Protein backbone atom coordinates (compact mmCIF):
# COMPACT_ATOMS: atom_id res chain seq x y z
CA MET A 1 11.54 -1.64 21.28
CA LYS A 2 10.28 -2.78 24.76
CA PHE A 3 8.16 -6.32 23.77
CA VAL A 4 5.83 -7.82 26.56
CA PHE A 5 5.57 -11.30 25.11
CA PHE A 6 2.51 -12.64 27.25
CA SER A 7 3.01 -16.91 27.77
CA PRO A 8 6.57 -16.58 26.17
CA HIS A 9 7.63 -20.46 28.31
CA PHE A 10 4.13 -21.82 26.63
CA PRO A 11 3.80 -22.73 23.78
CA ALA A 12 7.56 -23.89 23.92
CA ASN A 13 8.90 -22.29 20.66
CA GLY A 14 8.16 -19.13 22.77
CA THR A 15 11.63 -19.44 23.49
CA GLU A 16 12.29 -19.07 19.71
CA PHE A 17 10.58 -15.71 19.05
CA CYS A 18 12.10 -13.94 22.62
CA SER A 19 15.41 -15.36 21.56
CA ARG A 20 15.39 -14.05 18.27
CA LEU A 21 13.51 -10.82 19.67
CA HIS A 22 16.83 -10.09 22.20
CA GLU A 23 19.29 -10.50 18.70
CA ALA A 24 17.09 -7.71 17.24
CA SER A 25 18.52 -5.33 19.98
CA ALA A 26 14.83 -5.26 21.51
CA THR A 27 13.95 -5.68 25.89
CA VAL A 28 12.12 -8.16 25.79
CA LEU A 29 9.69 -8.60 29.11
CA GLY A 30 7.94 -11.62 30.05
CA ILE A 31 4.71 -12.17 31.59
CA GLY A 32 3.47 -15.89 32.42
CA ASP A 33 2.61 -18.59 35.27
CA ALA A 34 5.68 -20.31 35.96
CA ALA A 35 7.79 -20.43 37.93
CA TYR A 36 11.35 -18.48 36.94
CA GLU A 37 13.63 -21.10 37.83
CA HIS A 38 11.83 -23.84 35.41
CA LEU A 39 12.12 -21.36 32.52
CA ALA A 40 14.40 -22.67 29.48
CA PRO A 41 18.48 -21.31 29.82
CA ARG A 42 17.81 -19.51 26.28
CA LEU A 43 14.55 -17.64 27.48
CA LYS A 44 15.82 -16.90 30.87
CA ASN A 45 18.33 -14.90 28.70
CA ALA A 46 16.44 -13.65 25.74
CA LEU A 47 13.75 -12.14 29.12
CA SER A 48 15.23 -8.63 30.37
CA GLU A 49 12.66 -8.90 33.23
CA TYR A 50 9.88 -11.87 33.73
CA TYR A 51 6.77 -10.94 35.81
CA ARG A 52 5.45 -14.06 37.28
CA ILE A 53 1.76 -14.42 37.75
CA ALA A 54 -0.81 -17.08 39.47
CA ASP A 55 -3.63 -17.25 36.93
CA MET A 56 -3.16 -16.00 33.38
CA GLU A 57 -6.73 -15.75 33.08
CA ASP A 58 -6.90 -12.89 35.92
CA ALA A 59 -7.07 -9.13 33.84
CA ASP A 60 -6.38 -7.49 36.78
CA GLN A 61 -2.98 -9.40 37.96
CA VAL A 62 -2.19 -8.93 33.86
CA LEU A 63 -2.64 -5.28 34.75
CA ARG A 64 -0.40 -4.51 37.83
CA ALA A 65 2.48 -6.79 35.57
CA MET A 66 1.86 -4.16 32.50
CA GLY A 67 2.01 -1.36 35.58
CA HIS A 68 5.04 -2.40 37.10
CA PHE A 69 6.84 -3.07 33.42
CA ILE A 70 5.84 0.70 32.22
CA HIS A 71 6.74 1.90 36.26
CA ARG A 72 9.99 0.16 35.39
CA TRP A 73 11.04 0.34 32.12
CA GLY A 74 8.90 3.13 30.49
CA ARG A 75 6.37 3.31 27.60
CA ILE A 76 5.70 -0.24 26.03
CA ASP A 77 6.11 -0.91 22.23
CA ARG A 78 4.49 -4.18 21.69
CA PHE A 79 2.52 -6.81 23.53
CA GLU A 80 2.15 -10.46 21.88
CA SER A 81 1.09 -13.80 23.07
CA LEU A 82 1.42 -15.22 19.32
CA ASN A 83 -1.70 -17.44 20.72
CA GLU A 84 -5.19 -17.58 19.52
CA HIS A 85 -6.39 -18.74 22.98
CA TRP A 86 -4.99 -14.89 24.23
CA LEU A 87 -6.45 -12.81 21.27
CA GLU A 88 -9.08 -10.92 23.06
CA GLN A 89 -7.08 -10.07 26.23
CA ASP A 90 -3.95 -8.69 23.40
CA ALA A 91 -6.30 -6.56 22.25
CA ALA A 92 -7.53 -4.98 25.34
CA ILE A 93 -4.00 -4.44 26.74
CA ARG A 94 -3.00 -2.91 23.88
CA THR A 95 -6.08 -0.81 23.76
CA ASP A 96 -6.18 0.14 27.33
CA PHE A 97 -2.12 0.83 27.12
CA ASN A 98 -2.33 2.90 24.03
CA ILE A 99 -0.01 0.05 22.21
CA PRO A 100 0.14 -0.32 18.53
CA GLY A 101 -1.45 -3.60 17.25
CA ILE A 102 -4.85 -5.17 17.04
CA ARG A 103 -7.44 -3.73 19.52
CA ARG A 104 -10.61 -4.28 20.71
CA ASP A 105 -12.89 -2.39 18.19
CA PHE A 106 -11.38 -5.11 16.05
CA VAL A 107 -10.38 -8.27 17.34
CA GLU A 108 -13.94 -9.54 16.82
CA ASN A 109 -12.95 -10.06 13.51
CA LEU A 110 -10.46 -12.13 13.77
CA LYS A 111 -12.57 -14.51 17.14
CA HIS A 112 -15.57 -14.80 15.23
CA LYS A 113 -15.96 -17.19 12.00
CA SER A 114 -18.86 -15.38 10.99
CA LYS A 115 -17.13 -12.26 10.57
CA MET A 116 -14.54 -13.58 8.84
CA SER A 117 -16.73 -14.43 5.63
CA ALA A 118 -17.89 -10.55 5.13
CA PHE A 119 -13.96 -9.62 5.02
CA PHE A 120 -13.55 -12.87 2.43
CA ARG A 121 -16.10 -11.65 -0.29
CA LYS A 122 -14.73 -7.69 0.36
CA ALA A 123 -11.64 -9.44 -0.92
CA GLY A 124 -13.18 -10.80 -3.71
CA VAL A 125 -12.42 -14.50 -2.45
CA GLN A 126 -15.69 -17.60 -2.62
CA THR A 127 -16.06 -18.38 1.39
CA ILE A 128 -18.16 -20.88 2.99
CA ARG A 129 -22.49 -20.61 2.61
CA GLN A 130 -23.23 -20.75 6.37
CA HIS A 131 -26.12 -20.00 8.85
CA LYS A 132 -26.04 -19.07 12.40
CA TYR A 133 -26.86 -22.09 14.28
CA VAL A 134 -30.48 -20.73 16.23
CA ASP A 135 -32.92 -24.18 16.32
CA ARG A 136 -33.02 -27.31 14.29
CA ALA A 137 -35.88 -25.78 11.99
CA GLY A 138 -33.47 -22.80 10.65
CA VAL A 139 -30.46 -25.37 9.98
CA LYS A 140 -33.43 -27.61 7.98
CA ALA A 141 -33.85 -24.86 5.77
CA PHE A 142 -30.13 -24.15 5.13
CA VAL A 143 -30.19 -28.03 4.55
CA ALA A 144 -32.68 -27.55 1.66
CA GLU A 145 -30.32 -24.92 -0.24
CA VAL A 146 -26.88 -26.47 0.10
CA GLY A 147 -28.09 -30.34 0.97
CA TYR A 148 -26.49 -32.80 3.17
CA PRO A 149 -23.57 -33.37 4.95
CA ILE A 150 -23.39 -30.09 6.76
CA VAL A 151 -20.51 -28.97 8.98
CA ILE A 152 -21.42 -27.83 12.19
CA LYS A 153 -18.64 -25.67 14.85
CA PRO A 154 -18.23 -23.41 17.06
CA ASP A 155 -18.84 -20.05 16.13
CA GLN A 156 -15.30 -19.08 18.48
CA GLY A 157 -12.47 -21.78 18.26
CA SER A 158 -9.65 -22.87 16.60
CA GLY A 159 -8.37 -26.83 15.68
CA ALA A 160 -11.54 -28.21 14.50
CA SER A 161 -12.75 -28.45 18.62
CA ASN A 162 -16.40 -29.57 19.13
CA THR A 163 -16.90 -29.44 15.16
CA VAL A 164 -18.98 -32.20 13.98
CA LYS A 165 -19.97 -33.68 10.45
CA VAL A 166 -23.72 -34.15 10.14
CA ASN A 167 -24.94 -36.25 7.24
CA ASP A 168 -28.34 -36.93 7.39
CA ASP A 169 -31.67 -36.01 10.04
CA ALA A 170 -30.85 -38.57 12.22
CA ASP A 171 -27.57 -36.58 12.64
CA LEU A 172 -28.63 -33.49 13.54
CA ASP A 173 -30.90 -34.62 16.16
CA THR A 174 -28.38 -36.15 17.65
CA PHE A 175 -26.16 -33.02 17.56
CA GLU A 176 -29.04 -31.41 19.30
CA THR A 177 -28.99 -33.34 22.55
CA THR A 178 -25.19 -33.21 22.30
CA LYS A 179 -24.26 -30.12 21.71
CA ARG A 180 -22.80 -27.71 24.21
CA PRO A 181 -25.14 -25.12 26.32
CA GLY A 182 -24.89 -21.35 25.81
CA VAL A 183 -22.20 -22.03 22.91
CA SER A 184 -22.90 -20.10 19.71
CA TYR A 185 -22.88 -22.13 16.71
CA LEU A 186 -22.43 -21.97 12.97
CA ALA A 187 -24.05 -24.69 10.04
CA GLU A 188 -21.89 -24.69 7.26
CA GLU A 189 -21.71 -26.29 3.99
CA PHE A 190 -19.97 -29.36 4.04
CA ILE A 191 -16.93 -29.15 1.39
CA ASP A 192 -14.94 -31.87 -0.19
CA GLY A 193 -11.25 -30.71 -0.67
CA ILE A 194 -7.86 -30.07 0.56
CA VAL A 195 -6.72 -27.69 3.20
CA LEU A 196 -4.13 -25.11 1.41
CA THR A 197 -2.46 -22.82 4.08
CA TYR A 198 -1.40 -19.24 3.44
CA ASP A 199 1.31 -18.56 5.58
CA GLY A 200 3.68 -15.43 6.37
CA LEU A 201 4.60 -12.37 7.14
CA VAL A 202 2.89 -8.75 6.39
CA ASP A 203 4.91 -5.49 7.48
CA ARG A 204 3.74 -2.74 9.34
CA ASP A 205 3.39 -1.04 5.99
CA GLY A 206 1.16 -3.74 4.54
CA ARG A 207 3.55 -5.77 2.42
CA ILE A 208 3.53 -9.47 2.40
CA VAL A 209 7.52 -9.80 3.13
CA PHE A 210 6.77 -13.85 2.93
CA ALA A 211 4.93 -16.62 2.65
CA ALA A 212 4.52 -20.65 2.54
CA SER A 213 2.08 -22.85 2.15
CA HIS A 214 1.22 -26.35 3.47
CA ARG A 215 -1.01 -29.11 2.63
CA PHE A 216 -3.54 -31.20 4.65
CA GLU A 217 -4.94 -34.04 2.84
CA GLN A 218 -6.74 -35.28 5.89
CA SER A 219 -9.84 -34.06 7.53
CA ILE A 220 -8.10 -31.97 10.82
CA MET A 221 -12.36 -32.76 12.06
CA GLU A 222 -12.01 -36.44 11.80
CA VAL A 223 -8.72 -36.64 13.56
CA VAL A 224 -9.87 -34.65 16.27
CA ASN A 225 -13.21 -36.81 15.88
CA THR A 226 -11.56 -39.84 15.93
CA ASN A 227 -8.24 -39.83 17.96
CA SER A 228 -6.46 -40.79 15.12
CA HIS A 229 -2.87 -39.43 13.66
CA LEU A 230 -2.02 -36.18 11.49
CA ASN A 231 0.26 -35.35 8.61
CA TYR A 232 0.43 -32.87 6.71
CA TYR A 233 3.47 -31.27 3.90
CA CYS A 234 4.81 -27.65 3.66
CA LEU A 235 4.95 -27.22 0.47
CA PRO A 236 8.65 -25.44 -1.12
CA PHE A 237 6.04 -22.83 -3.67
CA VAL A 238 2.63 -20.95 -2.84
CA ASP A 239 0.16 -22.42 -6.00
CA PRO A 240 -0.77 -19.35 -7.62
CA ALA A 241 -4.13 -19.05 -7.11
CA VAL A 242 -3.78 -19.73 -3.14
CA GLU A 243 -1.39 -16.76 -3.33
CA GLN A 244 -4.11 -14.45 -5.10
CA ALA A 245 -7.16 -15.46 -2.64
CA GLY A 246 -4.25 -14.69 0.51
CA ARG A 247 -3.14 -11.42 -1.00
CA ALA A 248 -6.64 -9.93 -1.42
CA ALA A 249 -7.71 -11.97 1.89
CA VAL A 250 -4.29 -9.90 3.61
CA LYS A 251 -5.66 -6.91 2.30
CA ALA A 252 -9.12 -7.17 2.84
CA PHE A 253 -7.79 -7.27 7.12
CA GLY A 254 -6.16 -4.56 7.12
CA ILE A 255 -3.19 -6.78 8.35
CA ARG A 256 0.02 -4.87 9.63
CA GLU A 257 3.25 -5.85 11.39
CA LYS A 258 1.65 -10.13 11.61
CA PHE A 259 2.48 -13.17 11.09
CA PHE A 260 -0.78 -14.46 9.42
CA HIS A 261 -1.97 -18.39 8.85
CA ILE A 262 -5.31 -18.18 6.32
CA GLU A 263 -6.75 -21.91 5.91
CA PHE A 264 -8.04 -22.70 1.74
CA PHE A 265 -10.45 -25.16 0.47
CA GLU A 266 -9.53 -26.53 -2.45
CA THR A 267 -12.26 -28.65 -3.88
CA ARG A 268 -11.60 -31.50 -5.33
CA SER A 269 -13.86 -31.43 -8.09
CA ASP A 270 -13.15 -28.27 -9.97
CA LYS A 271 -10.00 -27.21 -7.55
CA ARG A 272 -11.73 -24.21 -6.52
CA ILE A 273 -10.16 -22.12 -3.91
CA VAL A 274 -12.97 -21.14 -1.06
CA ALA A 275 -11.84 -19.52 2.56
CA LEU A 276 -12.22 -21.43 5.57
CA GLU A 277 -10.86 -19.05 7.83
CA ILE A 278 -7.71 -16.46 9.12
CA ASN A 279 -5.98 -16.41 12.18
CA MET A 280 -3.67 -13.28 12.75
CA ARG A 281 -1.07 -15.53 14.71
CA PRO A 282 1.62 -18.05 13.19
CA PRO A 283 0.80 -21.29 11.98
CA GLY A 284 0.47 -24.27 14.69
CA ALA A 285 1.68 -27.86 14.88
CA TRP A 286 5.27 -27.62 14.14
CA MET A 287 4.76 -25.74 10.79
CA THR A 288 6.94 -22.52 11.83
CA ASP A 289 9.77 -25.17 11.90
CA ALA A 290 8.73 -26.49 8.45
CA ILE A 291 9.18 -23.27 6.64
CA ASN A 292 12.12 -23.23 8.16
CA TYR A 293 13.34 -26.55 6.55
CA SER A 294 11.69 -26.27 3.56
CA TYR A 295 13.38 -22.87 3.19
CA ASP A 296 16.62 -23.38 4.55
CA MET A 297 15.31 -20.15 6.78
CA ASP A 298 15.38 -18.78 10.20
CA VAL A 299 11.44 -17.37 10.30
CA TYR A 300 11.67 -16.36 13.90
CA ARG A 301 14.72 -14.17 13.47
CA GLU A 302 12.76 -12.62 10.68
CA TRP A 303 9.67 -12.05 12.08
CA ALA A 304 11.12 -10.60 14.91
CA GLY A 305 13.80 -8.44 12.07
CA MET A 306 10.45 -7.31 10.64
CA VAL A 307 8.32 -6.52 14.88
CA VAL A 308 11.53 -4.63 15.07
CA ASN A 309 12.85 -3.24 12.40
CA ASN A 310 10.50 -3.53 10.04
CA LYS A 311 13.63 -5.32 7.63
CA VAL A 312 12.92 -8.82 6.16
CA GLY A 313 15.92 -10.49 4.57
CA GLY A 314 15.70 -13.07 1.68
CA PRO A 315 14.13 -13.21 -1.03
CA PHE A 316 13.73 -17.06 0.12
CA THR A 317 13.25 -20.02 -2.44
CA GLY A 318 12.20 -23.10 -1.63
CA ARG A 319 13.60 -26.12 -1.84
CA TYR A 320 12.36 -29.30 0.31
CA TYR A 321 8.66 -30.69 0.95
CA THR A 322 9.11 -31.23 4.61
CA GLY A 323 6.29 -33.89 6.38
CA TYR A 324 5.00 -33.91 9.87
CA ALA A 325 3.60 -36.92 10.61
CA SER A 326 2.30 -37.73 14.09
CA ARG A 327 2.17 -41.17 16.21
CA LYS A 328 -0.92 -41.85 18.73
CA ASN A 329 0.04 -43.78 21.78
CA HIS A 330 -3.00 -45.84 21.36
CA ILE A 331 -2.54 -47.10 17.90
CA ARG A 332 -0.25 -50.08 17.11
CA TYR A 333 2.50 -49.50 13.96
CA VAL A 334 3.83 -51.61 12.10
CA ASN A 335 7.40 -49.77 12.34
CA ASP A 336 8.51 -48.92 16.01
CA HIS A 337 11.02 -45.79 16.52
CA GLN A 338 14.15 -47.56 16.01
CA ALA A 339 12.72 -48.37 12.66
CA ILE A 340 11.48 -45.52 11.32
CA LEU A 341 15.29 -44.39 12.16
CA ALA A 342 16.79 -46.93 10.32
CA ALA A 343 14.85 -46.33 7.82
CA HIS A 344 14.58 -42.85 7.02
CA GLY A 345 17.18 -41.28 9.43
CA ASP A 346 19.33 -39.09 6.49
CA ARG A 347 15.86 -36.99 5.76
CA ILE A 348 14.42 -36.45 9.40
CA VAL A 349 15.34 -33.61 11.24
CA HIS A 350 13.26 -33.51 14.02
CA PHE A 351 11.72 -35.56 16.36
CA ALA A 352 9.71 -35.28 19.87
CA PRO A 353 6.58 -35.80 21.60
CA ILE A 354 3.98 -33.59 21.88
CA GLU A 355 2.57 -31.71 24.94
CA ASP A 356 -1.00 -33.18 26.34
CA VAL A 357 -2.84 -30.07 25.42
CA PHE A 358 -1.88 -30.40 21.82
CA SER A 359 -1.79 -33.98 21.70
CA ARG A 360 -5.81 -34.45 20.47
CA ALA A 361 -4.99 -32.50 17.24
CA MET A 362 -1.46 -33.03 17.05
CA GLY A 363 -0.78 -36.65 18.52
CA ASN A 364 1.39 -38.05 21.26
CA ALA A 365 4.01 -37.43 18.86
CA ALA A 366 5.65 -36.79 15.99
CA TYR A 367 8.44 -36.70 13.13
CA GLN A 368 9.25 -34.02 10.64
CA PHE A 369 11.59 -34.99 7.17
CA ARG A 370 12.34 -33.50 4.21
CA SER A 371 13.51 -34.16 0.96
CA GLU A 372 13.30 -32.98 -2.60
CA ASP A 373 11.28 -35.38 -3.75
CA PHE A 374 7.40 -35.60 -3.17
CA GLU A 375 6.47 -39.06 -3.41
CA GLU A 376 9.58 -39.97 -1.51
CA VAL A 377 8.45 -37.81 1.93
CA LYS A 378 4.47 -38.81 1.10
CA ALA A 379 6.18 -42.70 1.19
CA ILE A 380 7.73 -41.33 4.44
CA VAL A 381 4.51 -40.75 6.36
CA ARG A 382 3.49 -43.81 4.89
CA PHE A 383 6.26 -45.80 6.71
CA ILE A 384 5.83 -44.11 9.91
CA GLN A 385 1.95 -44.35 9.95
CA ASP A 386 1.86 -47.76 8.88
CA VAL A 387 -1.17 -49.24 11.29
CA GLU A 388 -0.81 -53.38 12.14
CA ARG A 389 -4.00 -54.73 10.45
């Protein structure tokens, strides 16, 4: 298999994906804007060839890179970035070069939240009530139906970017004066709940061959808008209601040979599962690593085996709750790094700074830690994120 990986150097876990493809006997070809000498040694080892371009957003440069690879290596079997930002470009390249995978004619269903709802309804999964934001009068009519608060967000985007909670008419007036020109917005009913994800692998025959779930008790919107720290948990099991809704959604969207990341609300009042959105990519914010720690597996290797050979190992059984707790440079914490290591070093499995481009949501640095005791993991989160008062 000849696999072109777009932007293999960024984010950093591209090295893991490329290395596992190489180990699975794929010919891995990279396109990126970093100098070859700046690539990580393991990434260099995984790539059979690397084509540097000056501008990742320039479609002509990407086309020239593909032309070079085809001239030298022959037919290309796969093209992936595994990145939300490049989803449309990935689809365009696959369409232009007749490469298997999501094409131009379907990608809009994955970029626009307004179009996702139809697929969730097809799956029989409850979804958030929405209204396309055209003007204030239309939103007021929507508020008359669902009541305040509401959430206003771009129809296209991820990571709670430019998403606001609107509590009353005054907030709506403020949004009217501050909204970004040229952006299509959605108004959604506000759901009081936690986020549970359904993350995993679906093979080229449409079979879900692995699934895991993460629990977010914070609002990502609030984390981003208040510049706060983030925490979440990878669970060693998937809630049956999430499993049922997730499987139905994967089938409705017709996903094949992909990572998937689906977000659901679990309402606080009555535990209903309500679909939020779907992403055809690995989950971000170190969640792939959290899966590895919770299940004692290598999800990068399993993905590569699925892509190259349509085979996944297992079955994999969850054992640990894995926590993620980030810190922000501008927040004063009670416990410094050395105190954290002294108190919980035997549970910490990873610590690292976070790239600036992701820091608004993910934090400036973060810890991952695991235990078979969920209460212990939650206590570690509180210790790491204890703020001076």
